[in-house]
Amino acid sequence: MKKLKIDTIFFIILITLLGLVNLINTNKPTVSNLENRALKTMPQFSLASVVRGSFQRDFEEYYSDTFIFRDNLVKISRDVNKIMAFLGPDISIVTSVEDVQLPPVIPEGEKETVFPAPTGSKANETNENFSPSNENTQTATPTPTPEPEKDYGDDPNVGYWMVVDGKAVQLFKFNKESIEYYAQVINKYNEKLGDGVKIYSMIPPTNGEFMQLKKYKSITDSQNDALGFLKTKLNDSIISVDVYDALNKHKDEYIYFRTDHHWTALGAYYGYCEFMRTKGDTPLSLDRFEKIDLGDFLGSSYTKTLDKSLEKNPDNIVAYKPLTNHKFTIYKGNEGTKADIIDLKYADDISKKYLVFISSGGATWSKVKTDINNGKKVLVIKDSFGNMLVPFLVPHYEEIYVVDSRFYNMNLTEKNIVEFVKDNGINEVVFCIYMEDVNWHKFMSGVENMLGSEN
């Protein structure tokens, strides 16, 4: 009992000292090398933000992102998780940074592990005896039976990874309430912006949707089903861009990284092509952009899992730079700084190379001004998947505005996003947010908060 008290006192003292050191530390990092992303900046205090609760939320995220020794603590945690995993050689499941519960694991030998489907999923129903038209190939039925209502799933266990054969696959668990919330937020934007602004919903799936290994298919829910459900919730005036179908046509190509959760520039190009076709415009061929080979790349999936098989199998990262004359400016508040849309200052670090796209995308907001005088102005509301999309849009617009809800600050811009759109004469808004963030309520609440206190 005495030893327990001593351990408790020591723990409290250690945590207190770390907290004090963290508070007085003025040299806060701005980028996480381990997680390959821009970190949350210190929010600006105002009475309005305190009343809304946004200051408290932003400060909590800032404090967590910049906590002293954070990267070292994350590494230690992952090493412990790795030691405790017993999934056989070349296969492992690793939780993501959200620390969700792992699905149960059933070993079936030393060389492979078969995982059951998450609760609420229909993915564990075998497809081996079915044709593409879903007709049973062994037994003919005289009359078709009605298709059962889809199980959209409500189980909270989401956000885990499978590493197999030197490739990390981000698995998906359909959260019905979160998908409905995405629709509510986008519908609210549609209502606030009015008929004069076209709204596009563009959702890149995770690479797990195109997994070729059938024996592992049962552990991830169908993102295509989730997208089908979403379409029933969006207002008719919102235009959905079918990124899933566009990528599925090229699933055998290098459209996703092995060591990173993002799509490659080639995958983003196919998404851009589908967006242009949805708008009724003609996309440019890849040879109309300058190709820049950035060499080997170890991305976010590697830094989240620290898996040795990924380290031995690095990606090759390529950028495509628009040849159209343009000026790219990033803004901290309303103060602009000239930047590069393909920013090669990040190109020498093997883990930072995704940050070359639109200079890491972590500004309060940014703008591309071109010499194309066609009156077309678009706002891209994005997560990091949008960073690769924006350079492809340059040849088609007079002005491109870029906003990430994690960094947009109404106290600095003195505008909610509706005022931002109207003051800049923007006539199109594209939501380019990948499926895991669409499926994550906290991320979408940040998108909703940009509408301001009257949302």
Protein backbone atom coordinates (compact mmCIF):
# COMPACT_ATOMS: atom_id res chain seq x y z
CA MET A 1 0.00 0.00 0.00
CA LYS A 2 2.85 2.35 0.89
CA LYS A 3 4.56 1.63 -2.45
CA LEU A 4 1.30 2.37 -4.27
CA LYS A 5 1.05 5.76 -2.57
CA ILE A 6 4.64 6.59 -3.48
CA ASP A 7 4.05 5.60 -7.12
CA THR A 8 0.90 7.73 -7.23
CA ILE A 9 2.67 10.76 -5.76
CA PHE A 10 5.58 10.33 -8.19
CA PHE A 11 3.18 10.09 -11.14
CA ILE A 12 1.32 13.25 -10.08
CA ILE A 13 4.58 15.16 -9.65
CA LEU A 14 5.86 13.98 -13.04
CA ILE A 15 2.65 14.99 -14.85
CA THR A 16 2.62 18.36 -13.06
CA LEU A 17 6.23 19.08 -14.01
CA LEU A 18 5.61 18.12 -17.64
CA GLY A 19 2.55 20.38 -17.71
CA LEU A 20 4.50 23.32 -16.26
CA VAL A 21 7.41 22.82 -18.66
CA ASN A 22 4.96 22.62 -21.54
CA LEU A 23 3.25 25.88 -20.51
CA ILE A 24 6.53 27.85 -20.30
CA ASN A 25 7.95 26.34 -23.49
CA THR A 26 7.84 29.12 -26.09
CA ASN A 27 9.47 27.09 -28.89
CA LYS A 28 6.30 25.30 -30.02
CA PRO A 29 6.55 23.13 -33.16
CA THR A 30 4.41 24.03 -36.18
CA VAL A 31 4.76 20.75 -38.09
CA SER A 32 4.81 17.14 -36.83
CA ASN A 33 7.57 15.22 -38.57
CA LEU A 34 6.20 11.98 -37.14
CA GLU A 35 2.61 12.47 -38.34
CA ASN A 36 3.52 14.48 -41.45
CA ARG A 37 1.01 17.29 -40.86
CA ALA A 38 0.75 20.90 -39.81
CA LEU A 39 -0.01 21.33 -36.10
CA LYS A 40 -2.78 23.42 -34.57
CA THR A 41 -1.77 27.02 -33.92
CA MET A 42 -2.53 29.02 -30.77
CA PRO A 43 -6.10 30.33 -31.07
CA GLN A 44 -6.70 34.05 -30.66
CA PHE A 45 -8.72 34.88 -27.55
CA SER A 46 -12.01 36.72 -27.84
CA LEU A 47 -15.15 36.84 -25.73
CA ALA A 48 -17.26 35.67 -28.69
CA SER A 49 -15.09 32.57 -29.24
CA VAL A 50 -15.29 31.70 -25.53
CA VAL A 51 -19.08 32.00 -25.57
CA ARG A 52 -19.28 29.78 -28.66
CA GLY A 53 -16.93 27.28 -27.06
CA SER A 54 -14.61 27.37 -30.07
CA PHE A 55 -11.71 28.93 -28.13
CA GLN A 56 -11.76 26.13 -25.55
CA ARG A 57 -11.92 23.47 -28.26
CA ASP A 58 -9.16 25.04 -30.35
CA PHE A 59 -6.93 25.57 -27.30
CA GLU A 60 -7.37 21.94 -26.26
CA GLU A 61 -6.29 20.78 -29.72
CA TYR A 62 -3.38 23.27 -29.73
CA TYR A 63 -2.23 22.10 -26.28
CA SER A 64 -2.43 18.43 -27.33
CA ASP A 65 -0.63 19.04 -30.64
CA THR A 66 2.25 20.98 -29.08
CA PHE A 67 2.68 19.04 -25.82
CA ILE A 68 6.35 18.62 -24.96
CA PHE A 69 7.93 15.31 -26.06
CA ARG A 70 4.67 14.45 -27.89
CA ASP A 71 6.31 12.65 -30.82
CA ASN A 72 8.49 10.60 -28.44
CA LEU A 73 5.46 9.57 -26.38
CA VAL A 74 3.58 8.57 -29.52
CA LYS A 75 6.53 6.43 -30.66
CA ILE A 76 6.72 4.68 -27.29
CA SER A 77 2.98 3.98 -27.37
CA ARG A 78 3.20 2.46 -30.84
CA ASP A 79 6.18 0.31 -29.90
CA VAL A 80 4.20 -1.09 -26.96
CA ASN A 81 1.19 -1.79 -29.20
CA LYS A 82 3.46 -3.49 -31.70
CA ILE A 83 4.95 -5.79 -29.06
CA MET A 84 1.46 -6.77 -27.92
CA ALA A 85 0.23 -7.66 -31.43
CA PHE A 86 0.11 -11.39 -32.30
CA LEU A 87 -1.20 -11.43 -35.85
CA GLY A 88 1.42 -13.52 -37.57
CA PRO A 89 4.22 -12.50 -39.97
CA ASP A 90 3.63 -9.70 -42.51
CA ILE A 91 0.11 -8.93 -41.18
CA SER A 92 -0.92 -6.57 -38.41
CA ILE A 93 -3.79 -4.36 -37.38
CA VAL A 94 -2.89 -1.03 -35.78
CA THR A 95 -5.23 1.51 -34.27
CA SER A 96 -5.02 5.03 -35.62
CA VAL A 97 -4.34 8.09 -33.51
CA GLU A 98 -7.97 8.19 -32.34
CA ASP A 99 -7.27 5.13 -30.12
CA VAL A 100 -10.37 3.19 -31.07
CA GLN A 101 -11.10 -0.37 -30.00
CA LEU A 102 -9.61 -3.09 -32.19
CA PRO A 103 -11.85 -5.69 -33.81
CA PRO A 104 -11.50 -9.25 -32.50
CA VAL A 105 -8.80 -11.37 -34.13
CA ILE A 106 -9.08 -15.09 -34.90
CA PRO A 107 -5.74 -16.74 -35.86
CA GLU A 108 -5.86 -19.55 -38.40
CA GLY A 109 -2.24 -20.56 -38.68
CA GLU A 110 1.19 -19.08 -38.70
CA LYS A 111 1.16 -17.51 -42.15
CA GLU A 112 -2.10 -15.62 -42.24
CA THR A 113 -4.82 -14.27 -40.04
CA VAL A 114 -8.49 -13.98 -40.93
CA PHE A 115 -10.43 -11.16 -39.34
CA PRO A 116 -14.21 -11.12 -38.77
CA ALA A 117 -16.30 -8.24 -40.05
CA PRO A 118 -17.01 -5.38 -37.64
CA THR A 119 -20.33 -5.46 -35.82
CA GLY A 120 -23.19 -4.20 -37.97
CA SER A 121 -21.43 -4.92 -41.26
CA LYS A 122 -22.75 -7.18 -43.98
CA ALA A 123 -19.30 -7.58 -45.43
CA ASN A 124 -18.94 -11.02 -43.85
CA GLU A 125 -21.51 -12.46 -46.23
CA THR A 126 -19.53 -14.47 -48.78
CA ASN A 127 -19.55 -13.43 -52.43
CA GLU A 128 -17.87 -16.54 -53.81
CA ASN A 129 -21.12 -18.11 -55.06
CA PHE A 130 -22.53 -14.93 -56.56
CA SER A 131 -22.13 -13.40 -59.98
CA PRO A 132 -21.60 -9.65 -60.47
CA SER A 133 -25.35 -9.29 -60.85
CA ASN A 134 -25.78 -10.83 -57.35
CA GLU A 135 -27.59 -13.90 -58.74
CA ASN A 136 -26.73 -17.26 -57.15
CA THR A 137 -24.70 -19.22 -59.66
CA GLN A 138 -25.40 -22.58 -58.01
CA THR A 139 -29.18 -22.46 -57.51
CA ALA A 140 -31.62 -20.81 -59.89
CA THR A 141 -34.58 -19.07 -58.32
CA PRO A 142 -37.76 -18.73 -60.37
CA THR A 143 -38.74 -15.34 -58.98
CA PRO A 144 -36.39 -12.66 -57.67
CA THR A 145 -36.71 -11.80 -54.00
CA PRO A 146 -36.88 -8.15 -52.94
CA GLU A 147 -33.47 -6.67 -52.06
CA PRO A 148 -33.19 -6.34 -48.27
CA GLU A 149 -32.74 -2.92 -46.77
CA LYS A 150 -29.07 -2.06 -46.47
CA ASP A 151 -27.53 -2.26 -43.02
CA TYR A 152 -25.75 1.06 -42.78
CA GLY A 153 -24.22 0.20 -39.42
CA ASP A 154 -23.97 2.14 -36.20
CA ASP A 155 -21.07 0.43 -34.44
CA PRO A 156 -18.57 2.95 -33.01
CA ASN A 157 -15.38 0.94 -33.67
CA VAL A 158 -13.80 2.91 -36.49
CA GLY A 159 -10.36 4.07 -37.61
CA TYR A 160 -7.95 1.15 -37.74
CA TRP A 161 -5.31 -0.05 -40.17
CA MET A 162 -4.18 -3.32 -41.69
CA VAL A 163 -0.60 -3.72 -42.82
CA VAL A 164 -0.11 -6.58 -45.26
CA ASP A 165 2.66 -7.35 -47.74
CA GLY A 166 4.37 -4.00 -47.25
CA LYS A 167 1.22 -1.94 -47.76
CA ALA A 168 -0.93 -0.11 -45.20
CA VAL A 169 -4.68 -0.19 -45.79
CA GLN A 170 -6.96 2.18 -43.88
CA LEU A 171 -10.09 0.26 -42.95
CA PHE A 172 -13.56 1.79 -42.80
CA LYS A 173 -16.46 1.37 -40.40
CA PHE A 174 -19.63 3.08 -41.55
CA ASN A 175 -20.96 5.48 -38.91
CA LYS A 176 -24.48 6.31 -40.06
CA GLU A 177 -24.94 9.27 -37.73
CA SER A 178 -21.70 10.89 -38.91
CA ILE A 179 -22.64 10.49 -42.57
CA GLU A 180 -26.03 12.06 -41.83
CA TYR A 181 -24.24 14.90 -40.04
CA TYR A 182 -22.05 15.55 -43.11
CA ALA A 183 -25.24 15.88 -45.15
CA GLN A 184 -26.76 18.25 -42.59
CA VAL A 185 -23.67 20.49 -42.68
CA ILE A 186 -23.48 20.61 -46.49
CA ASN A 187 -27.23 21.22 -46.73
CA LYS A 188 -26.80 24.12 -44.30
CA TYR A 189 -24.08 25.62 -46.51
CA ASN A 190 -26.41 25.25 -49.48
CA GLU A 191 -29.17 27.10 -47.63
CA LYS A 192 -26.90 29.90 -46.39
CA LEU A 193 -25.10 30.49 -49.70
CA GLY A 194 -28.24 30.46 -51.81
CA ASP A 195 -28.93 29.64 -55.44
CA GLY A 196 -26.13 31.84 -56.80
CA VAL A 197 -23.39 29.47 -55.58
CA LYS A 198 -23.05 25.91 -56.92
CA ILE A 199 -22.01 23.34 -54.33
CA TYR A 200 -20.12 20.14 -55.16
CA SER A 201 -19.59 17.22 -52.77
CA MET A 202 -16.40 15.37 -53.69
CA ILE A 203 -15.45 12.49 -51.35
CA PRO A 204 -12.31 10.42 -52.09
CA PRO A 205 -12.58 6.93 -50.53
CA THR A 206 -9.78 5.37 -48.53
CA ASN A 207 -7.54 2.83 -50.24
CA GLY A 208 -9.32 0.02 -48.35
CA GLU A 209 -12.24 0.31 -50.78
CA PHE A 210 -10.05 -0.96 -53.62
CA MET A 211 -8.35 -3.77 -51.71
CA GLN A 212 -7.68 -6.65 -54.08
CA LEU A 213 -7.30 -9.35 -51.43
CA LYS A 214 -10.77 -10.92 -51.11
CA LYS A 215 -9.94 -12.83 -47.93
CA TYR A 216 -9.47 -9.51 -46.06
CA LYS A 217 -12.47 -7.76 -47.59
CA SER A 218 -14.75 -8.77 -44.70
CA ILE A 219 -13.05 -6.47 -42.18
CA THR A 220 -13.94 -3.18 -43.88
CA ASP A 221 -17.38 -1.74 -44.65
CA SER A 222 -18.40 -0.58 -48.12
CA GLN A 223 -17.70 3.09 -48.67
CA ASN A 224 -19.74 2.91 -51.86
CA ASP A 225 -22.75 1.92 -49.75
CA ALA A 226 -22.03 4.88 -47.48
CA LEU A 227 -21.94 7.20 -50.48
CA GLY A 228 -25.22 5.76 -51.71
CA PHE A 229 -26.79 6.45 -48.33
CA LEU A 230 -25.38 9.99 -48.35
CA LYS A 231 -26.98 10.82 -51.68
CA THR A 232 -30.41 10.18 -50.15
CA LYS A 233 -29.70 12.86 -47.51
CA LEU A 234 -28.22 15.67 -49.63
CA ASN A 235 -30.39 18.42 -51.08
CA ASP A 236 -31.14 17.92 -54.77
CA SER A 237 -29.31 21.12 -55.70
CA ILE A 238 -26.01 19.80 -54.32
CA ILE A 239 -23.96 18.12 -57.04
CA SER A 240 -22.17 14.89 -56.09
CA VAL A 241 -18.91 14.07 -57.88
CA ASP A 242 -18.58 10.29 -58.26
CA VAL A 243 -14.94 9.97 -57.27
CA TYR A 244 -15.46 6.35 -56.25
CA ASP A 245 -16.43 5.22 -59.75
CA ALA A 246 -13.65 7.27 -61.35
CA LEU A 247 -11.00 5.67 -59.13
CA ASN A 248 -12.49 2.20 -59.36
CA LYS A 249 -11.87 2.24 -63.12
CA HIS A 250 -8.15 2.69 -62.37
CA LYS A 251 -7.83 0.57 -59.21
CA ASP A 252 -4.95 -1.45 -60.68
CA GLU A 253 -2.89 1.72 -61.15
CA TYR A 254 -0.78 3.58 -58.60
CA ILE A 255 -3.60 5.78 -57.29
CA TYR A 256 -2.89 5.37 -53.55
CA PHE A 257 0.35 5.32 -51.61
CA ARG A 258 1.50 2.22 -49.75
CA THR A 259 2.93 4.10 -46.76
CA ASP A 260 0.52 7.03 -46.66
CA HIS A 261 -3.28 7.32 -46.43
CA HIS A 262 -3.58 9.88 -49.24
CA TRP A 263 -4.19 9.33 -52.91
CA THR A 264 -1.23 9.84 -55.21
CA ALA A 265 -1.12 12.71 -57.69
CA LEU A 266 -2.36 10.23 -60.31
CA GLY A 267 -5.36 9.38 -58.12
CA ALA A 268 -6.04 13.07 -57.56
CA TYR A 269 -5.81 13.60 -61.32
CA TYR A 270 -8.57 11.05 -61.93
CA GLY A 271 -10.65 12.80 -59.27
CA TYR A 272 -10.04 16.14 -61.02
CA CYS A 273 -11.08 14.65 -64.36
CA GLU A 274 -14.36 13.43 -62.89
CA PHE A 275 -15.00 16.83 -61.32
CA MET A 276 -14.45 18.55 -64.67
CA ARG A 277 -16.75 16.10 -66.46
CA THR A 278 -19.42 16.57 -63.77
CA LYS A 279 -19.23 20.33 -64.42
CA GLY A 280 -19.49 19.80 -68.16
CA ASP A 281 -15.89 20.97 -68.75
CA THR A 282 -12.98 19.19 -70.41
CA PRO A 283 -10.04 18.11 -68.21
CA LEU A 284 -6.49 18.60 -69.43
CA SER A 285 -4.26 15.63 -70.17
CA LEU A 286 -1.41 14.95 -67.74
CA ASP A 287 1.19 16.06 -70.28
CA ARG A 288 -0.23 19.59 -69.97
CA PHE A 289 1.34 19.76 -66.49
CA GLU A 290 5.01 19.77 -65.47
CA LYS A 291 5.89 16.41 -63.89
CA ILE A 292 8.21 16.61 -60.86
CA ASP A 293 9.58 13.35 -59.44
CA LEU A 294 10.29 13.82 -55.73
CA GLY A 295 11.77 10.37 -55.09
CA ASP A 296 11.20 8.04 -52.14
CA PHE A 297 8.48 8.82 -49.60
CA LEU A 298 7.47 7.37 -46.22
CA GLY A 299 4.11 8.86 -45.30
CA SER A 300 1.44 9.04 -42.63
CA SER A 301 0.59 5.32 -42.58
CA TYR A 302 4.22 4.55 -41.78
CA THR A 303 4.46 7.22 -39.07
CA LYS A 304 1.19 6.00 -37.52
CA THR A 305 2.25 2.33 -37.49
CA LEU A 306 6.08 2.47 -37.62
CA ASP A 307 5.84 -0.84 -39.43
CA LYS A 308 9.18 -2.17 -40.67
CA SER A 309 7.67 -3.73 -43.81
CA LEU A 310 6.49 -0.26 -44.86
CA GLU A 311 9.89 1.22 -44.16
CA LYS A 312 11.41 -1.34 -46.53
CA ASN A 313 8.83 -0.56 -49.22
CA PRO A 314 8.82 3.26 -49.64
CA ASP A 315 6.59 5.07 -52.09
CA ASN A 316 7.61 7.19 -55.04
CA ILE A 317 5.96 10.60 -54.91
CA VAL A 318 5.30 12.68 -58.02
CA ALA A 319 3.85 16.18 -58.34
CA TYR A 320 2.21 17.84 -61.33
CA LYS A 321 2.73 21.59 -61.55
CA PRO A 322 0.30 23.72 -63.59
CA LEU A 323 1.87 25.53 -66.52
CA THR A 324 -0.77 28.27 -66.44
CA ASN A 325 0.58 31.59 -65.16
CA HIS A 326 -0.54 32.00 -61.57
CA LYS A 327 0.26 33.64 -58.24
CA PHE A 328 -0.21 31.62 -55.05
CA THR A 329 -0.61 33.49 -51.76
CA ILE A 330 -1.09 32.06 -48.27
CA TYR A 331 -2.74 34.14 -45.59
CA LYS A 332 -2.30 34.20 -41.84
CA GLY A 333 -5.45 36.11 -41.04
CA ASN A 334 -5.56 38.73 -43.78
CA GLU A 335 -1.78 39.15 -44.17
CA GLY A 336 -0.59 37.46 -47.35
CA THR A 337 2.74 35.84 -48.17
CA LYS A 338 3.79 34.62 -51.60
CA ALA A 339 4.24 30.86 -51.74
CA ASP A 340 4.68 28.04 -54.26
CA ILE A 341 1.80 25.81 -55.24
CA ILE A 342 4.37 22.99 -55.47
CA ASP A 343 6.69 23.96 -52.61
CA LEU A 344 10.02 22.18 -53.03
CA LYS A 345 11.39 23.31 -49.65
CA TYR A 346 9.77 20.14 -48.24
CA ALA A 347 11.20 17.86 -50.93
CA ASP A 348 14.41 16.81 -49.19
CA ASP A 349 12.82 15.15 -46.15
CA ILE A 350 11.50 11.66 -46.92
CA SER A 351 8.61 12.01 -44.44
CA LYS A 352 7.58 15.59 -45.32
CA LYS A 353 7.18 15.34 -49.07
CA TYR A 354 3.38 15.42 -49.07
CA LEU A 355 3.71 18.95 -47.66
CA VAL A 356 5.01 20.19 -51.02
CA PHE A 357 1.40 20.42 -52.25
CA ILE A 358 0.08 23.98 -51.80
CA SER A 359 2.80 24.68 -49.21
CA SER A 360 1.34 22.17 -46.69
CA GLY A 361 -2.18 23.64 -46.88
CA GLY A 362 -2.09 24.83 -43.28
CA ALA A 363 -2.71 28.56 -43.73
CA THR A 364 -5.77 30.42 -42.41
CA TRP A 365 -6.75 30.53 -46.08
CA SER A 366 -4.97 30.78 -49.41
CA LYS A 367 -5.60 32.04 -52.93
CA VAL A 368 -4.50 31.23 -56.46
CA LYS A 369 -4.81 34.13 -58.93
CA THR A 370 -4.39 33.24 -62.61
CA ASP A 371 -4.35 35.23 -65.85
CA ILE A 372 -7.50 33.43 -67.04
CA ASN A 373 -10.18 36.11 -67.18
CA ASN A 374 -13.24 33.88 -67.29
CA GLY A 375 -14.96 35.15 -64.13
CA LYS A 376 -14.91 31.68 -62.54
CA LYS A 377 -14.09 31.72 -58.83
CA VAL A 378 -14.10 28.57 -56.69
CA LEU A 379 -13.65 27.90 -52.99
CA VAL A 380 -12.19 24.49 -52.08
CA ILE A 381 -13.13 23.49 -48.52
CA LYS A 382 -10.80 20.59 -47.88
CA ASP A 383 -8.83 18.30 -45.68
CA SER A 384 -5.32 17.26 -46.77
CA PHE A 385 -6.70 15.24 -49.72
CA GLY A 386 -7.58 18.56 -51.33
CA ASN A 387 -3.92 19.63 -51.37
CA MET A 388 -3.24 17.42 -54.38
CA LEU A 389 -6.44 18.44 -56.15
CA VAL A 390 -5.94 22.22 -56.16
CA PRO A 391 -2.97 22.37 -58.62
CA PHE A 392 -5.07 20.59 -61.27
CA LEU A 393 -7.79 23.25 -61.01
CA VAL A 394 -5.49 26.17 -61.85
CA PRO A 395 -5.97 26.11 -65.67
CA HIS A 396 -9.77 26.41 -65.27
CA TYR A 397 -10.36 29.32 -62.88
CA GLU A 398 -9.62 33.01 -62.58
CA GLU A 399 -9.36 32.67 -58.81
CA ILE A 400 -9.16 29.66 -56.48
CA TYR A 401 -9.65 30.06 -52.74
CA VAL A 402 -8.60 27.30 -50.35
CA VAL A 403 -9.82 26.78 -46.77
CA ASP A 404 -9.18 24.00 -44.25
CA SER A 405 -11.58 24.14 -41.29
CA ARG A 406 -8.79 23.13 -38.91
CA PHE A 407 -6.96 26.39 -39.63
CA TYR A 408 -9.63 28.89 -40.66
CA ASN A 409 -9.97 31.55 -37.95
CA MET A 410 -12.94 33.93 -38.02
CA ASN A 411 -11.32 36.13 -35.37
CA LEU A 412 -8.47 36.82 -37.80
CA THR A 413 -10.46 37.13 -41.02
CA GLU A 414 -13.42 38.85 -39.28
CA LYS A 415 -15.70 36.86 -41.60
CA ASN A 416 -17.67 33.67 -41.40
CA ILE A 417 -17.43 31.52 -44.51
CA VAL A 418 -20.67 32.84 -46.03
CA GLU A 419 -19.35 36.40 -45.79
CA PHE A 420 -16.01 35.20 -47.17
CA VAL A 421 -17.74 33.70 -50.23
CA LYS A 422 -19.89 36.76 -50.90
CA ASP A 423 -17.11 39.33 -50.37
CA ASN A 424 -14.83 37.53 -52.83
CA GLY A 425 -17.50 36.96 -55.50
CA ILE A 426 -17.09 33.17 -55.34
CA ASN A 427 -19.59 31.25 -57.47
CA GLU A 428 -18.60 27.62 -56.77
CA VAL A 429 -17.81 25.74 -53.56
CA VAL A 430 -16.20 22.29 -53.64
CA PHE A 431 -16.06 20.13 -50.51
CA CYS A 432 -13.08 17.81 -51.07
CA ILE A 433 -13.00 15.81 -47.83
CA TYR A 434 -11.98 12.16 -47.74
CA MET A 435 -14.23 9.45 -46.37
CA GLU A 436 -12.69 9.07 -42.91
CA ASP A 437 -13.13 12.78 -42.17
CA VAL A 438 -16.65 12.73 -43.61
CA ASN A 439 -17.25 9.81 -41.24
CA TRP A 440 -15.77 11.74 -38.27
CA HIS A 441 -18.20 14.04 -36.45
CA LYS A 442 -15.45 16.16 -34.88
CA PHE A 443 -13.96 17.11 -38.23
CA MET A 444 -17.32 18.04 -39.72
CA SER A 445 -18.23 20.10 -36.65
CA GLY A 446 -15.22 22.26 -37.55
CA VAL A 447 -16.64 22.70 -41.06
CA GLU A 448 -20.00 23.68 -39.57
CA ASN A 449 -18.40 26.15 -37.15
CA MET A 450 -17.06 28.19 -40.07
CA LEU A 451 -20.64 29.29 -40.71
CA GLY A 452 -20.43 31.35 -37.53
CA SER A 453 -22.47 31.67 -34.37
CA GLU A 454 -25.78 31.85 -36.24
CA ASN A 455 -25.37 28.48 -37.93
